[in-house]
């Protein structure tokens, strides 16, 4: 289960990073293009942010295991 969650988190973070790259380079926001500025787009941004937090927590857990 942990590995599936980590994989999903990685996919979402990569998609989010690509989206922000497009925003920075071309001022084009894929999420707003498909969903507009709405509650749905805010939820998508929240999910991507939570995915990044999940990856940080998993990394900390892995580092803590290595120290033991």
PDB file of N, CA and C in Angstrom:
ATOM      1  N   UNK A   1       0.831  -1.200   0.000  1.00  0.00           N
ATOM      2  CA  UNK A   1       0.000   0.000   0.000  1.00  0.00           C
ATOM      3  C   UNK A   1       0.874   1.262   0.000  1.00  0.00           C
ATOM      4  N   UNK A   2       1.951   1.230   0.799  1.00  0.00           N
ATOM      5  CA  UNK A   2       2.834   2.389   0.890  1.00  0.00           C
ATOM      6  C   UNK A   2       3.475   2.682  -0.452  1.00  0.00           C
ATOM      7  N   UNK A   3       3.858   1.636  -1.177  1.00  0.00           N
ATOM      8  CA  UNK A   3       4.518   1.826  -2.462  1.00  0.00           C
ATOM      9  C   UNK A   3       3.559   2.416  -3.495  1.00  0.00           C
ATOM     10  N   UNK A   4       2.314   2.006  -3.464  1.00  0.00           N
ATOM     11  CA  UNK A   4       1.317   2.547  -4.390  1.00  0.00           C
ATOM     12  C   UNK A   4       1.076   4.023  -4.088  1.00  0.00           C
ATOM     13  N   UNK A   5       0.954   4.355  -2.810  1.00  0.00           N
ATOM     14  CA  UNK A   5       0.757   5.748  -2.413  1.00  0.00           C
ATOM     15  C   UNK A   5       1.948   6.599  -2.830  1.00  0.00           C
ATOM     16  N   UNK A   6       3.145   6.060  -2.657  1.00  0.00           N
ATOM     17  CA  UNK A   6       4.345   6.798  -3.047  1.00  0.00           C
ATOM     18  C   UNK A   6       4.389   7.006  -4.565  1.00  0.00           C
ATOM     19  N   UNK A   7       4.027   5.996  -5.335  1.00  0.00           N
ATOM     20  CA  UNK A   7       4.000   6.113  -6.789  1.00  0.00           C
ATOM     21  C   UNK A   7       2.986   7.176  -7.235  1.00  0.00           C
ATOM     22  N   UNK A   8       1.800   7.136  -6.657  1.00  0.00           N
ATOM     23  CA  UNK A   8       0.775   8.132  -6.995  1.00  0.00           C
ATOM     24  C   UNK A   8       1.246   9.526  -6.617  1.00  0.00           C
ATOM     25  N   UNK A   9       1.878   9.648  -5.469  1.00  0.00           N
ATOM     26  CA  UNK A   9       2.387  10.946  -5.032  1.00  0.00           C
ATOM     27  C   UNK A   9       3.441  11.456  -6.005  1.00  0.00           C
ATOM     28  N   UNK A  10       4.345  10.590  -6.447  1.00  0.00           N
ATOM     29  CA  UNK A  10       5.368  10.995  -7.418  1.00  0.00           C
ATOM     30  C   UNK A  10       4.742  11.472  -8.721  1.00  0.00           C
ATOM     31  N   UNK A  11       3.764  10.738  -9.209  1.00  0.00           N
ATOM     32  CA  UNK A  11       3.098  11.117 -10.459  1.00  0.00           C
ATOM     33  C   UNK A  11       2.446  12.493 -10.322  1.00  0.00           C
ATOM     34  N   UNK A  12       1.730  12.712  -9.206  1.00  0.00           N
ATOM     35  CA  UNK A  12       1.061  13.993  -9.004  1.00  0.00           C
ATOM     36  C   UNK A  12       2.053  15.144  -8.853  1.00  0.00           C
ATOM     37  N   UNK A  13       3.150  14.902  -8.164  1.00  0.00           N
ATOM     38  CA  UNK A  13       4.156  15.952  -7.981  1.00  0.00           C
ATOM     39  C   UNK A  13       4.819  16.285  -9.323  1.00  0.00           C
ATOM     40  N   UNK A  14       5.093  15.288 -10.142  1.00  0.00           N
ATOM     41  CA  UNK A  14       5.689  15.548 -11.454  1.00  0.00           C
ATOM     42  C   UNK A  14       4.708  16.335 -12.329  1.00  0.00           C
ATOM     43  N   UNK A  15       3.440  15.951 -12.308  1.00  0.00           N
ATOM     44  CA  UNK A  15       2.432  16.696 -13.069  1.00  0.00           C
ATOM     45  C   UNK A  15       2.354  18.137 -12.574  1.00  0.00           C
ATOM     46  N   UNK A  16       2.371  18.316 -11.264  1.00  0.00           N
ATOM     47  CA  UNK A  16       2.336  19.667 -10.699  1.00  0.00           C
ATOM     48  C   UNK A  16       3.562  20.474 -11.088  1.00  0.00           C
ATOM     49  N   UNK A  17       4.728  19.849 -11.068  1.00  0.00           N
ATOM     50  CA  UNK A  17       5.956  20.544 -11.448  1.00  0.00           C
ATOM     51  C   UNK A  17       5.926  20.936 -12.922  1.00  0.00           C
ATOM     52  N   UNK A  18       5.449  20.043 -13.770  1.00  0.00           N
ATOM     53  CA  UNK A  18       5.332  20.371 -15.190  1.00  0.00           C
ATOM     54  C   UNK A  18       4.349  21.524 -15.399  1.00  0.00           C
ATOM     55  N   UNK A  19       3.250  21.506 -14.667  1.00  0.00           N
ATOM     56  CA  UNK A  19       2.269  22.587 -14.769  1.00  0.00           C
ATOM     57  C   UNK A  19       2.903  23.921 -14.379  1.00  0.00           C
ATOM     58  N   UNK A  20       3.643  23.940 -13.258  1.00  0.00           N
ATOM     59  CA  UNK A  20       4.275  25.200 -12.838  1.00  0.00           C
ATOM     60  C   UNK A  20       5.379  25.621 -13.791  1.00  0.00           C
ATOM     61  N   UNK A  21       6.029  24.666 -14.422  1.00  0.00           N
ATOM     62  CA  UNK A  21       7.010  25.004 -15.453  1.00  0.00           C
ATOM     63  C   UNK A  21       6.343  25.700 -16.635  1.00  0.00           C
ATOM     64  N   UNK A  22       5.181  25.194 -17.026  1.00  0.00           N
ATOM     65  CA  UNK A  22       4.431  25.835 -18.113  1.00  0.00           C
ATOM     66  C   UNK A  22       3.949  27.225 -17.712  1.00  0.00           C
ATOM     67  N   UNK A  23       3.547  27.368 -16.454  1.00  0.00           N
ATOM     68  CA  UNK A  23       3.121  28.687 -15.973  1.00  0.00           C
ATOM     69  C   UNK A  23       4.292  29.662 -16.038  1.00  0.00           C
ATOM     70  N   UNK A  24       5.453  29.227 -15.586  1.00  0.00           N
ATOM     71  CA  UNK A  24       6.622  30.102 -15.578  1.00  0.00           C
ATOM     72  C   UNK A  24       7.136  30.449 -16.963  1.00  0.00           C
ATOM     73  N   UNK A  25       7.134  29.473 -17.853  1.00  0.00           N
ATOM     74  CA  UNK A  25       7.691  29.699 -19.189  1.00  0.00           C
ATOM     75  C   UNK A  25       6.713  30.379 -20.155  1.00  0.00           C
ATOM     76  N   UNK A  26       5.466  29.943 -20.098  1.00  0.00           N
ATOM     77  CA  UNK A  26       4.514  30.383 -21.118  1.00  0.00           C
ATOM     78  C   UNK A  26       3.252  31.038 -20.548  1.00  0.00           C
ATOM     79  N   UNK A  27       3.203  31.204 -19.221  1.00  0.00           N
ATOM     80  CA  UNK A  27       2.016  31.753 -18.571  1.00  0.00           C
ATOM     81  C   UNK A  27       0.769  30.945 -18.932  1.00  0.00           C
ATOM     82  N   UNK A  28       0.930  29.612 -19.002  1.00  0.00           N
ATOM     83  CA  UNK A  28      -0.164  28.706 -19.345  1.00  0.00           C
ATOM     84  C   UNK A  28      -0.365  27.719 -18.209  1.00  0.00           C
ATOM     85  N   UNK A  29      -1.527  27.779 -17.579  1.00  0.00           N
ATOM     86  CA  UNK A  29      -1.851  26.907 -16.455  1.00  0.00           C
ATOM     87  C   UNK A  29      -2.803  25.819 -16.949  1.00  0.00           C
ATOM     88  N   UNK A  30      -2.308  24.589 -17.018  1.00  0.00           N
ATOM     89  CA  UNK A  30      -3.085  23.467 -17.536  1.00  0.00           C
ATOM     90  C   UNK A  30      -4.334  23.224 -16.690  1.00  0.00           C
ATOM     91  N   UNK A  31      -4.197  23.293 -15.377  1.00  0.00           N
ATOM     92  CA  UNK A  31      -5.334  23.041 -14.483  1.00  0.00           C
ATOM     93  C   UNK A  31      -6.438  24.072 -14.730  1.00  0.00           C
ATOM     94  N   UNK A  32      -6.072  25.341 -14.796  1.00  0.00           N
ATOM     95  CA  UNK A  32      -7.077  26.371 -15.061  1.00  0.00           C
ATOM     96  C   UNK A  32      -7.645  26.255 -16.467  1.00  0.00           C
ATOM     97  N   UNK A  33      -6.850  25.777 -17.407  1.00  0.00           N
ATOM     98  CA  UNK A  33      -7.337  25.585 -18.777  1.00  0.00           C
ATOM     99  C   UNK A  33      -8.482  24.574 -18.795  1.00  0.00           C
ATOM    100  N   UNK A  34      -8.309  23.468 -18.067  1.00  0.00           N
ATOM    101  CA  UNK A  34      -9.326  22.422 -18.083  1.00  0.00           C
ATOM    102  C   UNK A  34     -10.473  22.679 -17.102  1.00  0.00           C
ATOM    103  N   UNK A  35     -10.186  23.266 -15.954  1.00  0.00           N
ATOM    104  CA  UNK A  35     -11.198  23.389 -14.912  1.00  0.00           C
ATOM    105  C   UNK A  35     -11.577  24.828 -14.588  1.00  0.00           C
ATOM    106  N   UNK A  36     -10.862  25.802 -15.128  1.00  0.00           N
ATOM    107  CA  UNK A  36     -11.117  27.195 -14.786  1.00  0.00           C
ATOM    108  C   UNK A  36     -10.682  27.464 -13.352  1.00  0.00           C
ATOM    109  N   UNK A  37     -10.811  28.703 -12.946  1.00  0.00           N
ATOM    110  CA  UNK A  37     -10.503  29.046 -11.558  1.00  0.00           C
ATOM    111  C   UNK A  37     -11.737  28.700 -10.744  1.00  0.00           C
ATOM    112  N   UNK A  38     -11.696  27.531 -10.136  1.00  0.00           N
ATOM    113  CA  UNK A  38     -12.864  27.026  -9.421  1.00  0.00           C
ATOM    114  C   UNK A  38     -12.420  26.239  -8.199  1.00  0.00           C
ATOM    115  N   UNK A  39     -13.379  25.746  -7.486  1.00  0.00           N
ATOM    116  CA  UNK A  39     -13.106  24.905  -6.325  1.00  0.00           C
ATOM    117  C   UNK A  39     -12.367  23.641  -6.749  1.00  0.00           C
ATOM    118  N   UNK A  40     -12.729  23.099  -7.898  1.00  0.00           N
ATOM    119  CA  UNK A  40     -12.076  21.874  -8.372  1.00  0.00           C
ATOM    120  C   UNK A  40     -10.578  22.112  -8.588  1.00  0.00           C
ATOM    121  N   UNK A  41     -10.223  23.238  -9.207  1.00  0.00           N
ATOM    122  CA  UNK A  41      -8.796  23.500  -9.428  1.00  0.00           C
ATOM    123  C   UNK A  41      -8.068  23.700  -8.109  1.00  0.00           C
ATOM    124  N   UNK A  42      -8.707  24.315  -7.130  1.00  0.00           N
ATOM    125  CA  UNK A  42      -8.080  24.477  -5.814  1.00  0.00           C
ATOM    126  C   UNK A  42      -7.871  23.119  -5.141  1.00  0.00           C
ATOM    127  N   UNK A  43      -8.826  22.221  -5.298  1.00  0.00           N
ATOM    128  CA  UNK A  43      -8.692  20.871  -4.730  1.00  0.00           C
ATOM    129  C   UNK A  43      -7.542  20.137  -5.409  1.00  0.00           C
ATOM    130  N   UNK A  44      -7.403  20.302  -6.724  1.00  0.00           N
ATOM    131  CA  UNK A  44      -6.307  19.658  -7.443  1.00  0.00           C
ATOM    132  C   UNK A  44      -4.962  20.176  -6.926  1.00  0.00           C
ATOM    133  N   UNK A  45      -4.847  21.493  -6.754  1.00  0.00           N
ATOM    134  CA  UNK A  45      -3.607  22.055  -6.211  1.00  0.00           C
ATOM    135  C   UNK A  45      -3.345  21.530  -4.794  1.00  0.00           C
ATOM    136  N   UNK A  46      -4.396  21.407  -3.988  1.00  0.00           N
ATOM    137  CA  UNK A  46      -4.238  20.869  -2.630  1.00  0.00           C
ATOM    138  C   UNK A  46      -3.746  19.426  -2.654  1.00  0.00           C
ATOM    139  N   UNK A  47      -4.305  18.623  -3.536  1.00  0.00           N
ATOM    140  CA  UNK A  47      -3.902  17.214  -3.641  1.00  0.00           C
ATOM    141  C   UNK A  47      -2.434  17.114  -4.065  1.00  0.00           C
ATOM    142  N   UNK A  48      -2.021  17.947  -5.005  1.00  0.00           N
ATOM    143  CA  UNK A  48      -0.624  17.929  -5.441  1.00  0.00           C
ATOM    144  C   UNK A  48       0.291  18.370  -4.301  1.00  0.00           C
ATOM    145  N   UNK A  49      -0.110  19.385  -3.547  1.00  0.00           N
ATOM    146  CA  UNK A  49       0.676  19.822  -2.394  1.00  0.00           C
ATOM    147  C   UNK A  49       0.780  18.745  -1.327  1.00  0.00           C
ATOM    148  N   UNK A  50      -0.331  18.066  -1.063  1.00  0.00           N
ATOM    149  CA  UNK A  50      -0.309  16.967  -0.085  1.00  0.00           C
ATOM    150  C   UNK A  50       0.582  15.823  -0.565  1.00  0.00           C
ATOM    151  N   UNK A  51       0.598  15.602  -1.858  1.00  0.00           N
ATOM    152  CA  UNK A  51       1.469  14.563  -2.413  1.00  0.00           C
ATOM    153  C   UNK A  51       2.933  14.884  -2.145  1.00  0.00           C
ATOM    154  N   UNK A  52       3.292  16.143  -2.264  1.00  0.00           N
ATOM    155  CA  UNK A  52       4.668  16.540  -1.960  1.00  0.00           C
ATOM    156  C   UNK A  52       4.989  16.299  -0.495  1.00  0.00           C
ATOM    157  N   UNK A  53       4.047  16.593   0.381  1.00  0.00           N
ATOM    158  CA  UNK A  53       4.245  16.355   1.811  1.00  0.00           C
ATOM    159  C   UNK A  53       4.416  14.862   2.077  1.00  0.00           C
ATOM    160  N   UNK A  54       3.617  14.039   1.415  1.00  0.00           N
ATOM    161  CA  UNK A  54       3.726  12.584   1.565  1.00  0.00           C
ATOM    162  C   UNK A  54       5.124  12.122   1.164  1.00  0.00           C
ATOM    163  N   UNK A  55       5.640  12.639   0.067  1.00  0.00           N
ATOM    164  CA  UNK A  55       6.984  12.242  -0.378  1.00  0.00           C
ATOM    165  C   UNK A  55       8.053  12.656   0.626  1.00  0.00           C
ATOM    166  N   UNK A  56       7.913  13.834   1.205  1.00  0.00           N
ATOM    167  CA  UNK A  56       8.879  14.289   2.219  1.00  0.00           C
ATOM    168  C   UNK A  56       8.822  13.372   3.443  1.00  0.00           C
ATOM    169  N   UNK A  57       7.626  13.031   3.886  1.00  0.00           N
ATOM    170  CA  UNK A  57       7.473  12.147   5.049  1.00  0.00           C
ATOM    171  C   UNK A  57       8.081  10.780   4.767  1.00  0.00           C
ATOM    172  N   UNK A  58       7.796  10.226   3.573  1.00  0.00           N
ATOM    173  CA  UNK A  58       8.378   8.931   3.221  1.00  0.00           C
ATOM    174  C   UNK A  58       9.900   8.996   3.195  1.00  0.00           C
ATOM    175  N   UNK A  59      10.457  10.079   2.685  1.00  0.00           N
ATOM    176  CA  UNK A  59      11.913  10.227   2.639  1.00  0.00           C
ATOM    177  C   UNK A  59      12.493  10.280   4.049  1.00  0.00           C
ATOM    178  N   UNK A  60      11.850  11.026   4.941  1.00  0.00           N
ATOM    179  CA  UNK A  60      12.303  11.100   6.339  1.00  0.00           C
ATOM    180  C   UNK A  60      12.240   9.726   6.989  1.00  0.00           C
ATOM    181  N   UNK A  61      11.166   8.983   6.714  1.00  0.00           N
ATOM    182  CA  UNK A  61      11.039   7.638   7.276  1.00  0.00           C
ATOM    183  C   UNK A  61      12.152   6.720   6.762  1.00  0.00           C
ATOM    184  N   UNK A  62      12.473   6.831   5.479  1.00  0.00           N
ATOM    185  CA  UNK A  62      13.547   6.004   4.911  1.00  0.00           C
ATOM    186  C   UNK A  62      14.895   6.356   5.526  1.00  0.00           C
ATOM    187  N   UNK A  63      15.157   7.642   5.706  1.00  0.00           N
ATOM    188  CA  UNK A  63      16.414   8.064   6.319  1.00  0.00           C
ATOM    189  C   UNK A  63      16.503   7.600   7.769  1.00  0.00           C
ATOM    190  N   UNK A  64      15.392   7.647   8.489  1.00  0.00           N
ATOM    191  CA  UNK A  64      15.380   7.193   9.879  1.00  0.00           C
ATOM    192  C   UNK A  64      15.649   5.693   9.959  1.00  0.00           C
ATOM    193  N   UNK A  65      15.126   4.927   8.995  1.00  0.00           N
ATOM    194  CA  UNK A  65      15.368   3.478   8.971  1.00  0.00           C
ATOM    195  C   UNK A  65      16.840   3.173   8.710  1.00  0.00           C
ATOM    196  N   UNK A  66      17.462   3.959   7.836  1.00  0.00           N
ATOM    197  CA  UNK A  66      18.879   3.726   7.514  1.00  0.00           C
ATOM    198  C   UNK A  66      19.775   3.970   8.718  1.00  0.00           C
ATOM    199  N   UNK A  67      19.396   4.919   9.576  1.00  0.00           N
ATOM    200  CA  UNK A  67      20.218   5.245  10.738  1.00  0.00           C
ATOM    201  C   UNK A  67      20.175   4.161  11.802  1.00  0.00           C
ATOM    202  N   UNK A  68      19.165   3.324  11.782  1.00  0.00           N
ATOM    203  CA  UNK A  68      19.044   2.274  12.802  1.00  0.00           C
ATOM    204  C   UNK A  68      19.913   1.112  12.513  1.00  0.00           C
TER     205      UNK A  68
END
